[in-house]
Amino acid sequence: MSQIINIEQAILENLRSLSHDKQQEVLDFVEFLVQKTANRNQLQQIATGVRYRLL
């Protein structure tokens, strides 16, 4: 847990040093990663369901 907090702190400290435009780019990228992960998880759940039905 301590390492997570340190990562969050490091991200925030670096984020604060960026211009507003760069902060927006960081936010856009983070949102992209979150969506990509959600899509991947959803595809894995679908694939698992299909395999289960085929067995």
PDB file of N, CA and C in Angstrom:
ATOM      1  N   MET A   1       0.823  -1.201   0.000  1.00  0.00           N
ATOM      2  CA  MET A   1       0.000   0.000   0.000  1.00  0.00           C
ATOM      3  C   MET A   1       0.863   1.259   0.000  1.00  0.00           C
ATOM      4  N   SER A   2       1.957   1.211   0.718  1.00  0.00           N
ATOM      5  CA  SER A   2       2.860   2.357   0.806  1.00  0.00           C
ATOM      6  C   SER A   2       3.401   2.743  -0.564  1.00  0.00           C
ATOM      7  N   GLN A   3       3.717   1.736  -1.366  1.00  0.00           N
ATOM      8  CA  GLN A   3       4.261   2.027  -2.694  1.00  0.00           C
ATOM      9  C   GLN A   3       3.208   2.692  -3.580  1.00  0.00           C
ATOM     10  N   ILE A   4       1.952   2.310  -3.448  1.00  0.00           N
ATOM     11  CA  ILE A   4       0.883   2.937  -4.222  1.00  0.00           C
ATOM     12  C   ILE A   4       0.784   4.411  -3.878  1.00  0.00           C
ATOM     13  N   ILE A   5       0.832   4.720  -2.606  1.00  0.00           N
ATOM     14  CA  ILE A   5       0.765   6.115  -2.185  1.00  0.00           C
ATOM     15  C   ILE A   5       1.960   6.880  -2.738  1.00  0.00           C
ATOM     16  N   ASN A   6       3.130   6.276  -2.710  1.00  0.00           N
ATOM     17  CA  ASN A   6       4.316   6.939  -3.248  1.00  0.00           C
ATOM     18  C   ASN A   6       4.187   7.189  -4.737  1.00  0.00           C
ATOM     19  N   ILE A   7       3.605   6.257  -5.464  1.00  0.00           N
ATOM     20  CA  ILE A   7       3.385   6.442  -6.904  1.00  0.00           C
ATOM     21  C   ILE A   7       2.399   7.589  -7.117  1.00  0.00           C
ATOM     22  N   GLU A   8       1.315   7.580  -6.366  1.00  0.00           N
ATOM     23  CA  GLU A   8       0.327   8.660  -6.487  1.00  0.00           C
ATOM     24  C   GLU A   8       0.958  10.009  -6.177  1.00  0.00           C
ATOM     25  N   GLN A   9       1.764  10.063  -5.132  1.00  0.00           N
ATOM     26  CA  GLN A   9       2.421  11.317  -4.763  1.00  0.00           C
ATOM     27  C   GLN A   9       3.365  11.779  -5.865  1.00  0.00           C
ATOM     28  N   ALA A  10       4.117  10.853  -6.417  1.00  0.00           N
ATOM     29  CA  ALA A  10       5.059  11.203  -7.486  1.00  0.00           C
ATOM     30  C   ALA A  10       4.309  11.716  -8.715  1.00  0.00           C
ATOM     31  N   ILE A  11       3.207  11.075  -9.041  1.00  0.00           N
ATOM     32  CA  ILE A  11       2.410  11.518 -10.189  1.00  0.00           C
ATOM     33  C   ILE A  11       1.865  12.920  -9.940  1.00  0.00           C
ATOM     34  N   LEU A  12       1.302  13.134  -8.762  1.00  0.00           N
ATOM     35  CA  LEU A  12       0.746  14.458  -8.444  1.00  0.00           C
ATOM     36  C   LEU A  12       1.811  15.543  -8.449  1.00  0.00           C
ATOM     37  N   GLU A  13       2.957  15.253  -7.867  1.00  0.00           N
ATOM     38  CA  GLU A  13       4.034  16.252  -7.828  1.00  0.00           C
ATOM     39  C   GLU A  13       4.483  16.619  -9.244  1.00  0.00           C
ATOM     40  N   ASN A  14       4.629  15.626 -10.091  1.00  0.00           N
ATOM     41  CA  ASN A  14       5.031  15.903 -11.466  1.00  0.00           C
ATOM     42  C   ASN A  14       3.925  16.575 -12.252  1.00  0.00           C
ATOM     43  N   LEU A  15       2.701  16.162 -12.010  1.00  0.00           N
ATOM     44  CA  LEU A  15       1.559  16.748 -12.708  1.00  0.00           C
ATOM     45  C   LEU A  15       1.446  18.239 -12.421  1.00  0.00           C
ATOM     46  N   ARG A  16       1.666  18.602 -11.164  1.00  0.00           N
ATOM     47  CA  ARG A  16       1.547  20.009 -10.758  1.00  0.00           C
ATOM     48  C   ARG A  16       2.579  20.902 -11.448  1.00  0.00           C
ATOM     49  N   SER A  17       3.666  20.320 -11.887  1.00  0.00           N
ATOM     50  CA  SER A  17       4.709  21.125 -12.525  1.00  0.00           C
ATOM     51  C   SER A  17       4.441  21.356 -14.015  1.00  0.00           C
ATOM     52  N   LEU A  18       3.420  20.694 -14.542  1.00  0.00           N
ATOM     53  CA  LEU A  18       3.112  20.820 -15.966  1.00  0.00           C
ATOM     54  C   LEU A  18       2.128  21.945 -16.231  1.00  0.00           C
ATOM     55  N   SER A  19       2.148  22.421 -17.469  1.00  0.00           N
ATOM     56  CA  SER A  19       1.158  23.418 -17.880  1.00  0.00           C
ATOM     57  C   SER A  19      -0.222  22.765 -17.941  1.00  0.00           C
ATOM     58  N   HIS A  20      -1.248  23.593 -17.988  1.00  0.00           N
ATOM     59  CA  HIS A  20      -2.619  23.080 -18.048  1.00  0.00           C
ATOM     60  C   HIS A  20      -2.813  22.165 -19.264  1.00  0.00           C
ATOM     61  N   ASP A  21      -2.252  22.563 -20.402  1.00  0.00           N
ATOM     62  CA  ASP A  21      -2.382  21.746 -21.616  1.00  0.00           C
ATOM     63  C   ASP A  21      -1.762  20.360 -21.427  1.00  0.00           C
ATOM     64  N   LYS A  22      -0.603  20.310 -20.816  1.00  0.00           N
ATOM     65  CA  LYS A  22       0.065  19.027 -20.578  1.00  0.00           C
ATOM     66  C   LYS A  22      -0.687  18.201 -19.538  1.00  0.00           C
ATOM     67  N   GLN A  23      -1.253  18.876 -18.531  1.00  0.00           N
ATOM     68  CA  GLN A  23      -2.065  18.159 -17.550  1.00  0.00           C
ATOM     69  C   GLN A  23      -3.263  17.511 -18.238  1.00  0.00           C
ATOM     70  N   GLN A  24      -3.861  18.215 -19.199  1.00  0.00           N
ATOM     71  CA  GLN A  24      -4.993  17.653 -19.937  1.00  0.00           C
ATOM     72  C   GLN A  24      -4.555  16.436 -20.747  1.00  0.00           C
ATOM     73  N   GLU A  25      -3.360  16.493 -21.337  1.00  0.00           N
ATOM     74  CA  GLU A  25      -2.841  15.341 -22.076  1.00  0.00           C
ATOM     75  C   GLU A  25      -2.659  14.133 -21.157  1.00  0.00           C
ATOM     76  N   VAL A  26      -2.162  14.382 -19.956  1.00  0.00           N
ATOM     77  CA  VAL A  26      -1.985  13.297 -18.983  1.00  0.00           C
ATOM     78  C   VAL A  26      -3.346  12.695 -18.639  1.00  0.00           C
ATOM     79  N   LEU A  27      -4.319  13.540 -18.380  1.00  0.00           N
ATOM     80  CA  LEU A  27      -5.664  13.062 -18.063  1.00  0.00           C
ATOM     81  C   LEU A  27      -6.243  12.247 -19.220  1.00  0.00           C
ATOM     82  N   ASP A  28      -6.090  12.740 -20.429  1.00  0.00           N
ATOM     83  CA  ASP A  28      -6.587  12.011 -21.601  1.00  0.00           C
ATOM     84  C   ASP A  28      -5.934  10.635 -21.696  1.00  0.00           C
ATOM     85  N   PHE A  29      -4.638  10.574 -21.447  1.00  0.00           N
ATOM     86  CA  PHE A  29      -3.915   9.304 -21.534  1.00  0.00           C
ATOM     87  C   PHE A  29      -4.368   8.339 -20.448  1.00  0.00           C
ATOM     88  N   VAL A  30      -4.545   8.846 -19.238  1.00  0.00           N
ATOM     89  CA  VAL A  30      -5.004   7.992 -18.138  1.00  0.00           C
ATOM     90  C   VAL A  30      -6.397   7.451 -18.452  1.00  0.00           C
ATOM     91  N   GLU A  31      -7.273   8.296 -18.960  1.00  0.00           N
ATOM     92  CA  GLU A  31      -8.617   7.843 -19.314  1.00  0.00           C
ATOM     93  C   GLU A  31      -8.557   6.795 -20.426  1.00  0.00           C
ATOM     94  N   PHE A  32      -7.651   6.970 -21.378  1.00  0.00           N
ATOM     95  CA  PHE A  32      -7.452   5.982 -22.433  1.00  0.00           C
ATOM     96  C   PHE A  32      -7.019   4.643 -21.839  1.00  0.00           C
ATOM     97  N   LEU A  33      -6.076   4.664 -20.912  1.00  0.00           N
ATOM     98  CA  LEU A  33      -5.606   3.427 -20.279  1.00  0.00           C
ATOM     99  C   LEU A  33      -6.726   2.738 -19.506  1.00  0.00           C
ATOM    100  N   VAL A  34      -7.526   3.512 -18.800  1.00  0.00           N
ATOM    101  CA  VAL A  34      -8.637   2.944 -18.039  1.00  0.00           C
ATOM    102  C   VAL A  34      -9.628   2.275 -18.989  1.00  0.00           C
ATOM    103  N   GLN A  35      -9.962   2.954 -20.087  1.00  0.00           N
ATOM    104  CA  GLN A  35     -10.905   2.395 -21.053  1.00  0.00           C
ATOM    105  C   GLN A  35     -10.336   1.157 -21.726  1.00  0.00           C
ATOM    106  N   LYS A  36      -9.064   1.202 -22.070  1.00  0.00           N
ATOM    107  CA  LYS A  36      -8.401   0.063 -22.702  1.00  0.00           C
ATOM    108  C   LYS A  36      -8.431  -1.155 -21.782  1.00  0.00           C
ATOM    109  N   THR A  37      -8.167  -0.930 -20.514  1.00  0.00           N
ATOM    110  CA  THR A  37      -8.189  -2.019 -19.536  1.00  0.00           C
ATOM    111  C   THR A  37      -9.600  -2.579 -19.388  1.00  0.00           C
ATOM    112  N   ALA A  38     -10.591  -1.685 -19.330  1.00  0.00           N
ATOM    113  CA  ALA A  38     -11.981  -2.130 -19.204  1.00  0.00           C
ATOM    114  C   ALA A  38     -12.382  -2.951 -20.419  1.00  0.00           C
ATOM    115  N   ASN A  39     -11.999  -2.502 -21.607  1.00  0.00           N
ATOM    116  CA  ASN A  39     -12.328  -3.233 -22.828  1.00  0.00           C
ATOM    117  C   ASN A  39     -11.665  -4.604 -22.841  1.00  0.00           C
ATOM    118  N   ARG A  40     -10.414  -4.667 -22.417  1.00  0.00           N
ATOM    119  CA  ARG A  40      -9.687  -5.937 -22.388  1.00  0.00           C
ATOM    120  C   ARG A  40     -10.351  -6.903 -21.407  1.00  0.00           C
ATOM    121  N   ASN A  41     -10.729  -6.392 -20.239  1.00  0.00           N
ATOM    122  CA  ASN A  41     -11.395  -7.240 -19.246  1.00  0.00           C
ATOM    123  C   ASN A  41     -12.733  -7.746 -19.768  1.00  0.00           C
ATOM    124  N   GLN A  42     -13.452  -6.880 -20.452  1.00  0.00           N
ATOM    125  CA  GLN A  42     -14.746  -7.274 -21.006  1.00  0.00           C
ATOM    126  C   GLN A  42     -14.552  -8.361 -22.068  1.00  0.00           C
ATOM    127  N   LEU A  43     -13.556  -8.216 -22.918  1.00  0.00           N
ATOM    128  CA  LEU A  43     -13.290  -9.229 -23.944  1.00  0.00           C
ATOM    129  C   LEU A  43     -12.888 -10.559 -23.318  1.00  0.00           C
ATOM    130  N   GLN A  44     -12.105 -10.499 -22.248  1.00  0.00           N
ATOM    131  CA  GLN A  44     -11.708 -11.731 -21.567  1.00  0.00           C
ATOM    132  C   GLN A  44     -12.915 -12.425 -20.950  1.00  0.00           C
ATOM    133  N   GLN A  45     -13.844 -11.658 -20.396  1.00  0.00           N
ATOM    134  CA  GLN A  45     -15.053 -12.245 -19.827  1.00  0.00           C
ATOM    135  C   GLN A  45     -15.903 -12.893 -20.919  1.00  0.00           C
ATOM    136  N   ILE A  46     -16.013 -12.247 -22.051  1.00  0.00           N
ATOM    137  CA  ILE A  46     -16.774 -12.812 -23.167  1.00  0.00           C
ATOM    138  C   ILE A  46     -16.121 -14.094 -23.648  1.00  0.00           C
ATOM    139  N   ALA A  47     -14.800 -14.090 -23.797  1.00  0.00           N
ATOM    140  CA  ALA A  47     -14.081 -15.279 -24.258  1.00  0.00           C
ATOM    141  C   ALA A  47     -14.241 -16.424 -23.271  1.00  0.00           C
ATOM    142  N   THR A  48     -14.192 -16.121 -21.990  1.00  0.00           N
ATOM    143  CA  THR A  48     -14.377 -17.155 -20.975  1.00  0.00           C
ATOM    144  C   THR A  48     -15.783 -17.748 -21.076  1.00  0.00           C
ATOM    145  N   GLY A  49     -16.763 -16.903 -21.264  1.00  0.00           N
ATOM    146  CA  GLY A  49     -18.148 -17.370 -21.405  1.00  0.00           C
ATOM    147  C   GLY A  49     -18.328 -18.253 -22.621  1.00  0.00           C
ATOM    148  N   VAL A  50     -17.701 -17.878 -23.726  1.00  0.00           N
ATOM    149  CA  VAL A  50     -17.799 -18.667 -24.959  1.00  0.00           C
ATOM    150  C   VAL A  50     -17.132 -20.018 -24.755  1.00  0.00           C
ATOM    151  N   ARG A  51     -15.957 -20.031 -24.149  1.00  0.00           N
ATOM    152  CA  ARG A  51     -15.263 -21.306 -23.900  1.00  0.00           C
ATOM    153  C   ARG A  51     -16.096 -22.206 -22.997  1.00  0.00           C
ATOM    154  N   TYR A  52     -16.713 -21.604 -21.975  1.00  0.00           N
ATOM    155  CA  TYR A  52     -17.521 -22.365 -21.027  1.00  0.00           C
ATOM    156  C   TYR A  52     -18.699 -23.012 -21.747  1.00  0.00           C
ATOM    157  N   ARG A  53     -19.322 -22.273 -22.652  1.00  0.00           N
ATOM    158  CA  ARG A  53     -20.481 -22.805 -23.382  1.00  0.00           C
ATOM    159  C   ARG A  53     -20.072 -23.898 -24.363  1.00  0.00           C
ATOM    160  N   LEU A  54     -18.850 -23.798 -24.874  1.00  0.00           N
ATOM    161  CA  LEU A  54     -18.382 -24.800 -25.837  1.00  0.00           C
ATOM    162  C   LEU A  54     -18.008 -26.111 -25.167  1.00  0.00           C
ATOM    163  N   LEU A  55     -17.697 -26.057 -23.889  1.00  0.00           N
ATOM    164  CA  LEU A  55     -17.306 -27.268 -23.164  1.00  0.00           C
ATOM    165  C   LEU A  55     -18.474 -27.990 -22.702  1.00  0.00           C
TER     166      LEU A  55
END
